Amino acid sequence: VNDFKEKVTNVITSAIPYEEDDLVLAMELLTAVSNKNVYDERFIEDPYFLTLEIRPYRPIMTDIGICQELAGEYIYYLLQVGINATNCSAMDKDNYSHEWAIVELDGEHYHVDPTFTLNYRDSLAFFCLNDEMREQYGNYDRKDFAFADSSVIKYKINSEKYKDLWGAENYTIDHENRKINMTMFNNGE
């Protein structure tokens, strides 16, 4: 229990050294999760892998996991700092299942994908997406989104409030001046 508490505390305090608003907290925790973790390739290679217990505890303690675990880990950290979050899953058009997070910021919900971010560390390409971009970045059909493993919960995520972040190849936070500095994928500026 103490090791778990220490690991959670270390991730949160190292990711968020300053008092910040929820957007920056969610952004910095996504980067912390993507920079500390490795995708467990056994999931692809071993058909019996799913017989293992899949839960957020594993990447918290070992820094390795699959999408369900990585999304759960990210959601757990968000909940610890007071940000509402839950999970969402879907099958892509090639019948591969995937899970990511739904995050609530300023009363709106957004898709955030900690697993896809592993391939673009320090990027915001998979942060605060709306349904249209989530469909595009994963080959999903939004009618198949399963929120919190429920057939009752349905979010319509249409906000483009943070669309300027989607093209960020990398970013830094200037906490003192309250600015996000980004380098863009499309032009390097």
C-alpha atoms as a PDB file:
ATOM      1  CA  VAL A   1       0.000   0.000   0.000  1.00  0.00           C
ATOM      2  CA  ASN A   2       2.796   2.406   0.867  1.00  0.00           C
ATOM      3  CA  ASP A   3       4.618   1.679  -2.408  1.00  0.00           C
ATOM      4  CA  PHE A   4       1.397   2.358  -4.325  1.00  0.00           C
ATOM      5  CA  LYS A   5       0.776   5.646  -2.489  1.00  0.00           C
ATOM      6  CA  GLU A   6       4.368   6.715  -3.079  1.00  0.00           C
ATOM      7  CA  LYS A   7       4.233   5.957  -6.815  1.00  0.00           C
ATOM      8  CA  VAL A   8       0.934   7.816  -7.272  1.00  0.00           C
ATOM      9  CA  THR A   9       2.158  10.783  -5.251  1.00  0.00           C
ATOM     10  CA  ASN A  10       5.439  10.928  -7.183  1.00  0.00           C
ATOM     11  CA  VAL A  11       3.723  10.925 -10.581  1.00  0.00           C
ATOM     12  CA  ILE A  12       1.272  13.634  -9.576  1.00  0.00           C
ATOM     13  CA  THR A  13       3.752  15.914  -7.795  1.00  0.00           C
ATOM     14  CA  SER A  14       6.425  15.612 -10.487  1.00  0.00           C
ATOM     15  CA  ALA A  15       3.883  16.216 -13.280  1.00  0.00           C
ATOM     16  CA  ILE A  16       2.269  19.169 -11.556  1.00  0.00           C
ATOM     17  CA  PRO A  17       4.810  21.271  -9.673  1.00  0.00           C
ATOM     18  CA  TYR A  18       2.573  24.367  -9.657  1.00  0.00           C
ATOM     19  CA  GLU A  19      -1.022  25.172  -8.760  1.00  0.00           C
ATOM     20  CA  GLU A  20      -2.759  25.042 -12.155  1.00  0.00           C
ATOM     21  CA  ASP A  21      -6.182  24.949 -13.746  1.00  0.00           C
ATOM     22  CA  ASP A  22      -7.767  21.655 -14.788  1.00  0.00           C
ATOM     23  CA  LEU A  23      -6.699  21.932 -18.442  1.00  0.00           C
ATOM     24  CA  VAL A  24      -3.019  22.128 -17.538  1.00  0.00           C
ATOM     25  CA  LEU A  25      -3.376  19.430 -14.863  1.00  0.00           C
ATOM     26  CA  ALA A  26      -4.943  17.045 -17.403  1.00  0.00           C
ATOM     27  CA  MET A  27      -2.316  17.933 -20.008  1.00  0.00           C
ATOM     28  CA  GLU A  28       0.633  17.443 -17.668  1.00  0.00           C
ATOM     29  CA  LEU A  29      -0.734  14.157 -16.290  1.00  0.00           C
ATOM     30  CA  LEU A  30      -1.197  12.838 -19.839  1.00  0.00           C
ATOM     31  CA  THR A  31       2.427  13.647 -20.583  1.00  0.00           C
ATOM     32  CA  ALA A  32       3.553  12.027 -17.318  1.00  0.00           C
ATOM     33  CA  VAL A  33       1.659   8.815 -18.138  1.00  0.00           C
ATOM     34  CA  SER A  34       2.923   8.678 -21.722  1.00  0.00           C
ATOM     35  CA  ASN A  35       6.522   9.381 -20.736  1.00  0.00           C
ATOM     36  CA  LYS A  36       6.699   6.774 -17.976  1.00  0.00           C
ATOM     37  CA  ASN A  37       4.900   3.872 -19.639  1.00  0.00           C
ATOM     38  CA  VAL A  38       5.589   1.266 -22.291  1.00  0.00           C
ATOM     39  CA  TYR A  39       2.908  -0.629 -24.206  1.00  0.00           C
ATOM     40  CA  ASP A  40       2.887  -4.333 -23.326  1.00  0.00           C
ATOM     41  CA  GLU A  41       3.452  -6.043 -26.680  1.00  0.00           C
ATOM     42  CA  ARG A  42       2.495  -9.443 -25.230  1.00  0.00           C
ATOM     43  CA  PHE A  43      -1.087  -8.367 -25.829  1.00  0.00           C
ATOM     44  CA  ILE A  44      -0.446  -8.610 -29.580  1.00  0.00           C
ATOM     45  CA  GLU A  45       1.750 -11.733 -29.509  1.00  0.00           C
ATOM     46  CA  ASP A  46       0.092 -13.952 -26.870  1.00  0.00           C
ATOM     47  CA  PRO A  47      -3.532 -15.096 -27.336  1.00  0.00           C
ATOM     48  CA  TYR A  48      -3.692 -16.068 -23.639  1.00  0.00           C
ATOM     49  CA  PHE A  49      -2.614 -12.642 -22.442  1.00  0.00           C
ATOM     50  CA  LEU A  50      -6.195 -11.609 -21.712  1.00  0.00           C
ATOM     51  CA  THR A  51      -6.370 -14.266 -19.007  1.00  0.00           C
ATOM     52  CA  LEU A  52      -4.114 -12.012 -16.909  1.00  0.00           C
ATOM     53  CA  GLU A  53      -5.704  -9.471 -14.617  1.00  0.00           C
ATOM     54  CA  ILE A  54      -5.924  -6.253 -16.572  1.00  0.00           C
ATOM     55  CA  ARG A  55      -6.175  -3.240 -14.289  1.00  0.00           C
ATOM     56  CA  PRO A  56      -4.709   0.239 -13.781  1.00  0.00           C
ATOM     57  CA  TYR A  57      -2.652  -0.976 -10.816  1.00  0.00           C
ATOM     58  CA  ARG A  58      -0.166  -2.699 -13.140  1.00  0.00           C
ATOM     59  CA  PRO A  59       1.123   0.374 -15.042  1.00  0.00           C
ATOM     60  CA  ILE A  60       1.117   2.434 -11.848  1.00  0.00           C
ATOM     61  CA  MET A  61       3.471  -0.087 -10.252  1.00  0.00           C
ATOM     62  CA  THR A  62       5.445  -1.396 -13.260  1.00  0.00           C
ATOM     63  CA  ASP A  63       5.203   1.285 -16.004  1.00  0.00           C
ATOM     64  CA  ILE A  64       3.874  -1.234 -18.522  1.00  0.00           C
ATOM     65  CA  GLY A  65       0.331  -1.870 -19.696  1.00  0.00           C
ATOM     66  CA  ILE A  66      -2.240  -2.094 -22.450  1.00  0.00           C
ATOM     67  CA  CYS A  67      -4.877   0.476 -23.402  1.00  0.00           C
ATOM     68  CA  GLN A  68      -7.425  -0.495 -20.741  1.00  0.00           C
ATOM     69  CA  GLU A  69      -4.784  -0.241 -18.042  1.00  0.00           C
ATOM     70  CA  LEU A  70      -3.200   2.977 -19.326  1.00  0.00           C
ATOM     71  CA  ALA A  71      -6.573   4.711 -19.666  1.00  0.00           C
ATOM     72  CA  GLY A  72      -7.505   3.558 -16.164  1.00  0.00           C
ATOM     73  CA  GLU A  73      -4.218   4.778 -14.744  1.00  0.00           C
ATOM     74  CA  TYR A  74      -4.674   8.203 -16.341  1.00  0.00           C
ATOM     75  CA  ILE A  75      -8.274   8.383 -15.094  1.00  0.00           C
ATOM     76  CA  TYR A  76      -7.130   7.460 -11.585  1.00  0.00           C
ATOM     77  CA  TYR A  77      -4.603  10.311 -11.503  1.00  0.00           C
ATOM     78  CA  LEU A  78      -7.204  12.754 -12.819  1.00  0.00           C
ATOM     79  CA  LEU A  79      -9.664  11.742 -10.118  1.00  0.00           C
ATOM     80  CA  GLN A  80      -6.957  12.222  -7.472  1.00  0.00           C
ATOM     81  CA  VAL A  81      -6.556  15.891  -8.481  1.00  0.00           C
ATOM     82  CA  GLY A  82     -10.310  16.500  -8.667  1.00  0.00           C
ATOM     83  CA  ILE A  83     -10.959  16.176 -12.407  1.00  0.00           C
ATOM     84  CA  ASN A  84     -13.961  14.065 -13.439  1.00  0.00           C
ATOM     85  CA  ALA A  85     -13.059  11.317 -15.876  1.00  0.00           C
ATOM     86  CA  THR A  86     -14.258   7.924 -17.048  1.00  0.00           C
ATOM     87  CA  ASN A  87     -13.407   5.414 -19.730  1.00  0.00           C
ATOM     88  CA  CYS A  88     -14.631   4.933 -23.294  1.00  0.00           C
ATOM     89  CA  SER A  89     -14.050   2.011 -25.613  1.00  0.00           C
ATOM     90  CA  ALA A  90     -14.867   1.009 -29.159  1.00  0.00           C
ATOM     91  CA  MET A  91     -14.002  -1.441 -31.885  1.00  0.00           C
ATOM     92  CA  ASP A  92     -12.247   0.035 -34.887  1.00  0.00           C
ATOM     93  CA  LYS A  93     -13.317  -0.850 -38.406  1.00  0.00           C
ATOM     94  CA  ASP A  94     -10.767  -3.726 -38.407  1.00  0.00           C
ATOM     95  CA  ASN A  95     -12.370  -5.199 -35.247  1.00  0.00           C
ATOM     96  CA  TYR A  96      -9.612  -4.214 -32.809  1.00  0.00           C
ATOM     97  CA  SER A  97     -10.907  -2.975 -29.483  1.00  0.00           C
ATOM     98  CA  HIS A  98      -9.405   0.056 -27.797  1.00  0.00           C
ATOM     99  CA  GLU A  99     -10.007   2.058 -24.638  1.00  0.00           C
ATOM    100  CA  TRP A 100      -9.251   5.681 -23.761  1.00  0.00           C
ATOM    101  CA  ALA A 101     -10.383   8.353 -21.287  1.00  0.00           C
ATOM    102  CA  ILE A 102     -13.245  10.845 -21.271  1.00  0.00           C
ATOM    103  CA  VAL A 103     -12.256  13.950 -19.325  1.00  0.00           C
ATOM    104  CA  GLU A 104     -14.539  16.730 -18.102  1.00  0.00           C
ATOM    105  CA  LEU A 105     -13.057  20.237 -18.309  1.00  0.00           C
ATOM    106  CA  ASP A 106     -15.131  23.382 -17.715  1.00  0.00           C
ATOM    107  CA  GLY A 107     -18.364  21.388 -17.930  1.00  0.00           C
ATOM    108  CA  GLU A 108     -17.530  19.842 -21.335  1.00  0.00           C
ATOM    109  CA  HIS A 109     -16.346  16.300 -22.093  1.00  0.00           C
ATOM    110  CA  TYR A 110     -13.375  15.383 -24.279  1.00  0.00           C
ATOM    111  CA  HIS A 111     -11.627  12.251 -25.530  1.00  0.00           C
ATOM    112  CA  VAL A 112      -8.030  11.777 -24.335  1.00  0.00           C
ATOM    113  CA  ASP A 113      -5.982   8.772 -25.453  1.00  0.00           C
ATOM    114  CA  PRO A 114      -2.981   7.905 -23.263  1.00  0.00           C
ATOM    115  CA  THR A 115      -2.124   4.826 -25.351  1.00  0.00           C
ATOM    116  CA  PHE A 116      -1.941   6.605 -28.726  1.00  0.00           C
ATOM    117  CA  THR A 117       0.115   9.313 -27.002  1.00  0.00           C
ATOM    118  CA  LEU A 118       2.836   6.708 -26.271  1.00  0.00           C
ATOM    119  CA  ASN A 119       3.819   7.016 -29.942  1.00  0.00           C
ATOM    120  CA  TYR A 120       3.867  10.827 -29.781  1.00  0.00           C
ATOM    121  CA  ARG A 121       5.274  11.611 -26.348  1.00  0.00           C
ATOM    122  CA  ASP A 122       4.937  15.260 -25.317  1.00  0.00           C
ATOM    123  CA  SER A 123       2.338  15.706 -28.063  1.00  0.00           C
ATOM    124  CA  LEU A 124      -1.224  16.964 -27.712  1.00  0.00           C
ATOM    125  CA  ALA A 125      -2.461  15.159 -30.830  1.00  0.00           C
ATOM    126  CA  PHE A 126      -4.771  12.902 -28.780  1.00  0.00           C
ATOM    127  CA  PHE A 127      -5.752  15.406 -26.087  1.00  0.00           C
ATOM    128  CA  CYS A 128      -9.227  16.966 -25.740  1.00  0.00           C
ATOM    129  CA  LEU A 129     -10.576  15.519 -28.985  1.00  0.00           C
ATOM    130  CA  ASN A 130     -14.209  15.761 -30.007  1.00  0.00           C
ATOM    131  CA  ASP A 131     -16.168  12.807 -31.457  1.00  0.00           C
ATOM    132  CA  GLU A 132     -15.252  13.673 -35.032  1.00  0.00           C
ATOM    133  CA  MET A 133     -11.506  13.690 -34.339  1.00  0.00           C
ATOM    134  CA  ARG A 134     -11.747  10.553 -32.162  1.00  0.00           C
ATOM    135  CA  GLU A 135     -13.394   8.773 -35.095  1.00  0.00           C
ATOM    136  CA  GLN A 136     -10.698  10.002 -37.451  1.00  0.00           C
ATOM    137  CA  TYR A 137      -7.781   9.225 -35.106  1.00  0.00           C
ATOM    138  CA  GLY A 138      -8.523   5.550 -34.736  1.00  0.00           C
ATOM    139  CA  ASN A 139     -10.930   4.547 -37.471  1.00  0.00           C
ATOM    140  CA  TYR A 140     -13.876   4.283 -35.051  1.00  0.00           C
ATOM    141  CA  ASP A 141     -17.591   4.879 -35.498  1.00  0.00           C
ATOM    142  CA  ARG A 142     -18.953   7.121 -32.741  1.00  0.00           C
ATOM    143  CA  LYS A 143     -22.215   5.163 -32.628  1.00  0.00           C
ATOM    144  CA  ASP A 144     -20.136   2.271 -31.220  1.00  0.00           C
ATOM    145  CA  PHE A 145     -18.529   4.268 -28.386  1.00  0.00           C
ATOM    146  CA  ALA A 146     -19.154   2.525 -25.051  1.00  0.00           C
ATOM    147  CA  PHE A 147     -18.848   5.010 -22.203  1.00  0.00           C
ATOM    148  CA  ALA A 148     -17.925   3.583 -18.798  1.00  0.00           C
ATOM    149  CA  ASP A 149     -18.898   0.145 -20.111  1.00  0.00           C
ATOM    150  CA  SER A 150     -22.545   1.253 -20.041  1.00  0.00           C
ATOM    151  CA  SER A 151     -25.233   1.081 -22.673  1.00  0.00           C
ATOM    152  CA  VAL A 152     -27.076   3.889 -20.855  1.00  0.00           C
ATOM    153  CA  ILE A 153     -24.380   6.599 -20.666  1.00  0.00           C
ATOM    154  CA  LYS A 154     -23.961   8.488 -23.943  1.00  0.00           C
ATOM    155  CA  TYR A 155     -21.923  11.648 -24.359  1.00  0.00           C
ATOM    156  CA  LYS A 156     -22.027  13.833 -27.437  1.00  0.00           C
ATOM    157  CA  ILE A 157     -18.607  15.407 -27.560  1.00  0.00           C
ATOM    158  CA  ASN A 158     -18.724  18.173 -30.134  1.00  0.00           C
ATOM    159  CA  SER A 159     -16.621  20.992 -28.692  1.00  0.00           C
ATOM    160  CA  GLU A 160     -13.719  22.297 -30.751  1.00  0.00           C
ATOM    161  CA  LYS A 161     -12.546  24.541 -27.928  1.00  0.00           C
ATOM    162  CA  TYR A 162      -9.091  22.942 -27.833  1.00  0.00           C
ATOM    163  CA  LYS A 163      -8.658  22.124 -31.524  1.00  0.00           C
ATOM    164  CA  ASP A 164      -5.581  24.367 -31.716  1.00  0.00           C
ATOM    165  CA  LEU A 165      -3.843  21.881 -29.405  1.00  0.00           C
ATOM    166  CA  TRP A 166      -4.437  18.862 -31.685  1.00  0.00           C
ATOM    167  CA  GLY A 167      -1.616  19.826 -34.028  1.00  0.00           C
ATOM    168  CA  ALA A 168       0.979  20.198 -31.262  1.00  0.00           C
ATOM    169  CA  GLU A 169       3.914  17.874 -31.858  1.00  0.00           C
ATOM    170  CA  ASN A 170       5.311  18.914 -28.498  1.00  0.00           C
ATOM    171  CA  TYR A 171       4.630  21.559 -25.909  1.00  0.00           C
ATOM    172  CA  THR A 172       5.975  23.207 -22.791  1.00  0.00           C
ATOM    173  CA  ILE A 173       4.142  25.128 -20.113  1.00  0.00           C
ATOM    174  CA  ASP A 174       5.389  28.562 -19.129  1.00  0.00           C
ATOM    175  CA  HIS A 175       3.788  28.550 -15.678  1.00  0.00           C
ATOM    176  CA  GLU A 176       5.017  32.004 -14.738  1.00  0.00           C
ATOM    177  CA  ASN A 177       3.467  33.699 -17.798  1.00  0.00           C
ATOM    178  CA  ARG A 178       0.560  31.230 -18.022  1.00  0.00           C
ATOM    179  CA  LYS A 179       1.290  30.244 -21.612  1.00  0.00           C
ATOM    180  CA  ILE A 180       1.450  27.000 -23.559  1.00  0.00           C
ATOM    181  CA  ASN A 181       4.325  26.968 -26.047  1.00  0.00           C
ATOM    182  CA  MET A 182       3.796  24.457 -28.863  1.00  0.00           C
ATOM    183  CA  THR A 183       5.640  23.230 -31.932  1.00  0.00           C
ATOM    184  CA  MET A 184       3.185  22.236 -34.638  1.00  0.00           C
ATOM    185  CA  PHE A 185       3.308  18.986 -36.661  1.00  0.00           C
ATOM    186  CA  ASN A 186       2.350  20.574 -39.965  1.00  0.00           C
ATOM    187  CA  ASN A 187       4.964  23.344 -40.156  1.00  0.00           C
ATOM    188  CA  GLY A 188       7.367  23.040 -37.205  1.00  0.00           C
ATOM    189  CA  GLU A 189       6.503  26.546 -36.031  1.00  0.00           C
END
